[in-house]
N, C-alpha and C. Protein backbone atom coordinates (compact mmCIF):
# COMPACT_ATOMS: atom_id res chain seq x y z
N MET A 1 112.33 106.09 114.55
CA MET A 1 111.27 105.68 113.64
C MET A 1 111.17 106.64 112.46
N LYS A 2 111.31 107.92 112.74
CA LYS A 2 111.22 108.91 111.68
C LYS A 2 112.37 108.76 110.69
N LEU A 3 113.54 108.42 111.20
CA LEU A 3 114.70 108.23 110.33
C LEU A 3 114.47 107.04 109.40
N ARG A 4 113.87 105.98 109.92
CA ARG A 4 113.59 104.80 109.11
C ARG A 4 112.59 105.13 108.01
N LEU A 5 111.57 105.92 108.33
CA LEU A 5 110.57 106.31 107.34
C LEU A 5 111.19 107.19 106.25
N LYS A 6 112.05 108.13 106.65
CA LYS A 6 112.72 108.97 105.67
C LYS A 6 113.60 108.13 104.74
N PHE A 7 114.32 107.18 105.32
CA PHE A 7 115.17 106.30 104.52
C PHE A 7 114.34 105.48 103.55
N LEU A 8 113.21 104.96 103.99
CA LEU A 8 112.34 104.18 103.14
C LEU A 8 111.79 105.02 101.98
N LEU A 9 111.37 106.24 102.27
CA LEU A 9 110.85 107.11 101.22
C LEU A 9 111.94 107.51 100.22
N LEU A 10 113.13 107.79 100.72
CA LEU A 10 114.24 108.13 99.84
C LEU A 10 114.60 106.95 98.94
N THR A 11 114.63 105.77 99.49
CA THR A 11 114.93 104.57 98.71
C THR A 11 113.86 104.33 97.65
N ALA A 12 112.60 104.50 98.01
CA ALA A 12 111.51 104.30 97.06
C ALA A 12 111.59 105.33 95.92
N ALA A 13 111.92 106.57 96.25
CA ALA A 13 112.02 107.61 95.22
C ALA A 13 113.19 107.33 94.28
N MET A 14 114.31 106.89 94.81
CA MET A 14 115.47 106.59 93.97
C MET A 14 115.19 105.38 93.08
N THR A 15 114.50 104.39 93.61
CA THR A 15 114.16 103.21 92.83
C THR A 15 113.20 103.55 91.71
N ALA A 16 112.21 104.37 91.99
CA ALA A 16 111.24 104.76 90.97
C ALA A 16 111.93 105.53 89.85
N GLY A 17 112.91 106.36 90.18
CA GLY A 17 113.65 107.09 89.16
C GLY A 17 114.44 106.16 88.26
N GLN A 18 114.98 105.11 88.79
CA GLN A 18 115.74 104.15 87.99
C GLN A 18 114.83 103.35 87.08
N VAL A 19 113.64 103.03 87.54
CA VAL A 19 112.71 102.25 86.72
C VAL A 19 112.32 103.03 85.48
N PHE A 20 112.03 104.30 85.63
CA PHE A 20 111.63 105.11 84.48
C PHE A 20 112.80 105.29 83.51
N GLN A 21 114.00 105.40 84.02
CA GLN A 21 115.16 105.55 83.15
C GLN A 21 115.39 104.28 82.34
N ALA A 22 115.25 103.12 82.96
CA ALA A 22 115.49 101.85 82.27
C ALA A 22 114.41 101.57 81.23
N ALA A 23 113.20 102.04 81.45
CA ALA A 23 112.11 101.78 80.51
C ALA A 23 112.35 102.47 79.18
N GLY A 24 113.12 103.55 79.15
CA GLY A 24 113.39 104.26 77.91
C GLY A 24 114.30 103.48 76.97
N GLN A 25 115.12 102.60 77.49
CA GLN A 25 116.03 101.84 76.66
C GLN A 25 115.44 100.52 76.21
N CYS A 26 114.36 100.11 76.78
CA CYS A 26 113.79 98.80 76.51
C CYS A 26 113.33 98.69 75.05
N ALA A 27 112.74 99.73 74.49
CA ALA A 27 112.25 99.67 73.12
C ALA A 27 113.39 99.49 72.12
N MET A 28 114.51 100.12 72.37
CA MET A 28 115.67 99.97 71.48
C MET A 28 116.19 98.53 71.50
N CYS A 29 116.32 97.97 72.69
CA CYS A 29 116.82 96.60 72.80
C CYS A 29 115.85 95.62 72.14
N ARG A 30 114.57 95.84 72.37
CA ARG A 30 113.58 94.93 71.79
C ARG A 30 113.60 95.01 70.27
N LEU A 31 113.72 96.20 69.72
CA LEU A 31 113.76 96.37 68.27
C LEU A 31 114.99 95.68 67.68
N ASN A 32 116.13 95.83 68.31
CA ASN A 32 117.35 95.17 67.82
C ASN A 32 117.23 93.66 67.92
N ALA A 33 116.63 93.15 68.97
CA ALA A 33 116.49 91.71 69.14
C ALA A 33 115.50 91.13 68.14
N GLU A 34 114.43 91.85 67.84
CA GLU A 34 113.44 91.36 66.89
C GLU A 34 113.99 91.30 65.47
N ASN A 35 114.85 92.24 65.12
CA ASN A 35 115.38 92.31 63.76
C ASN A 35 116.67 91.52 63.58
N ALA A 36 117.19 90.94 64.62
CA ALA A 36 118.48 90.25 64.54
C ALA A 36 118.30 88.77 64.25
N SER A 37 119.43 88.14 63.93
CA SER A 37 119.42 86.69 63.67
C SER A 37 119.38 85.92 64.98
N LYS A 38 119.18 84.61 64.89
CA LYS A 38 119.09 83.76 66.09
C LYS A 38 120.39 83.77 66.90
N GLY A 39 121.53 83.78 66.23
CA GLY A 39 122.81 83.79 66.93
C GLY A 39 122.99 85.04 67.78
N PHE A 40 122.58 86.17 67.23
CA PHE A 40 122.69 87.42 67.97
C PHE A 40 121.73 87.44 69.16
N GLN A 41 120.54 86.87 68.97
CA GLN A 41 119.57 86.85 70.05
C GLN A 41 120.05 86.03 71.22
N SER A 42 120.66 84.88 70.96
CA SER A 42 121.16 84.05 72.07
C SER A 42 122.32 84.76 72.76
N GLY A 43 123.15 85.47 72.00
CA GLY A 43 124.23 86.25 72.61
C GLY A 43 123.70 87.39 73.45
N LEU A 44 122.64 88.01 72.98
CA LEU A 44 122.01 89.10 73.73
C LEU A 44 121.43 88.57 75.03
N ASN A 45 120.77 87.42 74.98
CA ASN A 45 120.21 86.83 76.19
C ASN A 45 121.32 86.45 77.17
N GLY A 46 122.41 85.92 76.67
CA GLY A 46 123.54 85.59 77.55
C GLY A 46 124.14 86.82 78.20
N GLY A 47 124.22 87.91 77.45
CA GLY A 47 124.73 89.15 78.01
C GLY A 47 123.83 89.72 79.09
N ILE A 48 122.53 89.61 78.88
CA ILE A 48 121.58 90.09 79.89
C ILE A 48 121.69 89.27 81.17
N VAL A 49 121.79 87.96 81.03
CA VAL A 49 121.94 87.11 82.22
C VAL A 49 123.24 87.43 82.94
N TYR A 50 124.31 87.65 82.19
CA TYR A 50 125.60 88.01 82.79
C TYR A 50 125.50 89.32 83.56
N MET A 51 124.85 90.31 82.97
CA MET A 51 124.72 91.61 83.63
C MET A 51 123.85 91.53 84.87
N ILE A 52 122.89 90.63 84.90
CA ILE A 52 122.04 90.48 86.08
C ILE A 52 122.74 89.69 87.17
N PHE A 53 123.54 88.70 86.78
CA PHE A 53 124.15 87.78 87.74
C PHE A 53 125.30 88.43 88.52
N ILE A 54 126.11 89.25 87.88
CA ILE A 54 127.30 89.81 88.51
C ILE A 54 126.99 90.67 89.74
N PRO A 55 126.03 91.59 89.73
CA PRO A 55 125.77 92.37 90.94
C PRO A 55 125.34 91.50 92.13
N TYR A 56 124.55 90.47 91.88
CA TYR A 56 124.14 89.59 92.97
C TYR A 56 125.33 88.81 93.51
N LEU A 57 126.23 88.40 92.66
CA LEU A 57 127.43 87.70 93.09
C LEU A 57 128.32 88.61 93.94
N LEU A 58 128.46 89.86 93.54
CA LEU A 58 129.24 90.82 94.32
C LEU A 58 128.59 91.12 95.67
N LEU A 59 127.28 91.20 95.68
CA LEU A 59 126.56 91.42 96.93
C LEU A 59 126.76 90.25 97.89
N LEU A 60 126.67 89.04 97.37
CA LEU A 60 126.90 87.85 98.19
C LEU A 60 128.31 87.84 98.75
N ALA A 61 129.29 88.17 97.92
CA ALA A 61 130.68 88.21 98.38
C ALA A 61 130.86 89.26 99.48
N GLY A 62 130.23 90.41 99.32
CA GLY A 62 130.32 91.46 100.33
C GLY A 62 129.71 91.03 101.65
N VAL A 63 128.58 90.37 101.60
CA VAL A 63 127.93 89.87 102.82
C VAL A 63 128.82 88.85 103.50
N LEU A 64 129.39 87.96 102.73
CA LEU A 64 130.27 86.94 103.32
C LEU A 64 131.52 87.55 103.94
N VAL A 65 132.07 88.57 103.32
CA VAL A 65 133.28 89.20 103.87
C VAL A 65 132.97 89.95 105.16
N PHE A 66 131.90 90.71 105.18
CA PHE A 66 131.61 91.53 106.34
C PHE A 66 131.00 90.75 107.51
N TRP A 67 130.28 89.69 107.23
CA TRP A 67 129.61 88.95 108.28
C TRP A 67 130.14 87.53 108.45
N ARG A 68 131.36 87.26 108.03
CA ARG A 68 131.87 85.90 108.09
C ARG A 68 132.00 85.38 109.52
N LYS A 69 132.33 86.24 110.47
CA LYS A 69 132.45 85.79 111.86
C LYS A 69 131.08 85.39 112.41
N LYS A 70 130.07 86.17 112.13
CA LYS A 70 128.73 85.83 112.61
C LYS A 70 128.21 84.56 111.94
N ILE A 71 128.50 84.42 110.66
CA ILE A 71 128.05 83.23 109.93
C ILE A 71 128.75 81.99 110.47
N MET A 72 130.05 82.08 110.70
CA MET A 72 130.80 80.92 111.20
C MET A 72 130.36 80.56 112.62
N SER A 73 130.11 81.54 113.49
CA SER A 73 129.66 81.23 114.84
C SER A 73 128.27 80.61 114.81
N PHE A 74 127.43 81.04 113.87
CA PHE A 74 126.10 80.44 113.74
C PHE A 74 126.19 78.98 113.27
N LEU A 75 127.08 78.72 112.33
CA LEU A 75 127.22 77.35 111.81
C LEU A 75 127.85 76.41 112.84
N ARG A 76 128.72 76.92 113.69
CA ARG A 76 129.37 76.07 114.70
C ARG A 76 128.44 75.74 115.86
N GLY A 77 127.47 76.53 116.06
CA GLY A 77 126.53 76.14 117.08
C GLY A 77 126.27 77.19 118.07
């Protein structure tokens, strides 16, 4: 139980550090998007969606590779 609590606290601390780091870049991106043309804004939005989608796709692929036997046995019955 203590190990789980330590892991949870470590994960929370690492996540909080990443949030503060990402907030520093937000003003720059917003300023560039506000001053840019419509074509650039749609390209920027597409790039953001691409950057968000790829890690989730890789995570899904990893889960499928490592747990494919369990998933197949569950689906077969």
